[in-house]
Amino acid sequence: MSNRRRPSSCSAPPGAGKSTVAQAVFERTLDTGTRAQPTTEDFLRTISRTRPTVTTEMALEFADHTIR
């Protein structure tokens, strides 16, 4: 890996604001010049920024149908 750095305009910590673990690891690899591995923090950050795909109303409707 080369020792290329992101432009100084990208001052956020590696993975900050990224939507995937892969993107965070990729940027950390570029920043450090060594192959990075995903961390628990990468996964937790990504999960915390992921919107639910099922609304509460949808879950309750499903639960209602499964009880019958």
Protein backbone atom coordinates (compact mmCIF):
# COMPACT_ATOMS: atom_id res chain seq x y z
CA MET A 1 0.00 0.00 0.00
CA SER A 2 1.24 3.48 -0.74
CA ASN A 3 1.34 6.23 1.84
CA ARG A 4 -1.25 8.36 0.07
CA ARG A 5 -3.28 10.61 2.31
CA ARG A 6 -6.77 11.95 1.84
CA PRO A 7 -6.91 15.67 1.04
CA SER A 8 -6.77 17.92 4.11
CA SER A 9 -10.35 18.97 3.36
CA CYS A 10 -11.32 15.50 4.62
CA SER A 11 -10.53 16.13 8.25
CA ALA A 12 -13.14 13.80 9.74
CA PRO A 13 -11.86 10.67 11.48
CA PRO A 14 -11.70 7.57 9.29
CA GLY A 15 -15.15 6.10 8.82
CA ALA A 16 -16.97 9.13 10.24
CA GLY A 17 -20.22 9.69 8.40
CA LYS A 18 -19.76 6.69 6.14
CA SER A 19 -22.62 4.35 5.51
CA THR A 20 -20.77 1.05 5.31
CA VAL A 21 -18.14 -0.84 7.25
CA ALA A 22 -16.31 -1.46 3.98
CA GLN A 23 -16.01 2.27 3.29
CA ALA A 24 -14.68 2.96 6.79
CA VAL A 25 -12.08 0.19 6.48
CA PHE A 26 -11.10 1.33 2.98
CA GLU A 27 -10.51 4.90 4.17
CA ARG A 28 -8.56 3.75 7.22
CA THR A 29 -6.39 1.66 4.89
CA LEU A 30 -5.71 4.72 2.74
CA ASP A 31 -5.00 6.89 5.79
CA THR A 32 -2.57 4.49 7.46
CA GLY A 33 -0.98 2.92 4.41
CA THR A 34 -1.52 -0.56 5.85
CA ARG A 35 -4.39 -2.94 5.29
CA ALA A 36 -7.01 -2.30 7.96
CA GLN A 37 -9.46 -4.83 9.35
CA PRO A 38 -13.03 -4.04 10.39
CA THR A 39 -13.48 -3.40 14.10
CA THR A 40 -16.43 -3.78 16.42
CA GLU A 41 -16.60 0.03 16.49
CA ASP A 42 -16.97 0.09 12.68
CA PHE A 43 -19.95 -2.28 12.89
CA LEU A 44 -21.56 -0.48 15.84
CA ARG A 45 -21.20 2.91 14.13
CA THR A 46 -22.76 1.55 10.93
CA ILE A 47 -25.63 -0.12 12.78
CA SER A 48 -26.36 3.05 14.76
CA ARG A 49 -26.70 5.00 11.50
CA THR A 50 -28.92 2.44 9.76
CA ARG A 51 -32.58 3.31 9.54
CA PRO A 52 -35.11 0.58 10.26
CA THR A 53 -36.77 -0.85 7.17
CA VAL A 54 -39.86 -1.97 9.07
CA THR A 55 -41.99 0.61 10.84
CA THR A 56 -43.49 -0.01 14.26
CA GLU A 57 -46.92 -0.06 12.61
CA MET A 58 -45.79 -2.76 10.18
CA ALA A 59 -44.36 -4.89 13.00
CA LEU A 60 -47.56 -4.58 15.02
CA GLU A 61 -49.65 -5.52 12.00
CA PHE A 62 -47.48 -8.59 11.40
CA ALA A 63 -47.72 -9.54 15.09
CA ASP A 64 -51.49 -9.19 14.92
CA HIS A 65 -51.66 -11.52 11.91
CA THR A 66 -49.43 -14.14 13.51
CA ILE A 67 -51.52 -14.30 16.68
CA ARG A 68 -54.73 -15.12 14.79
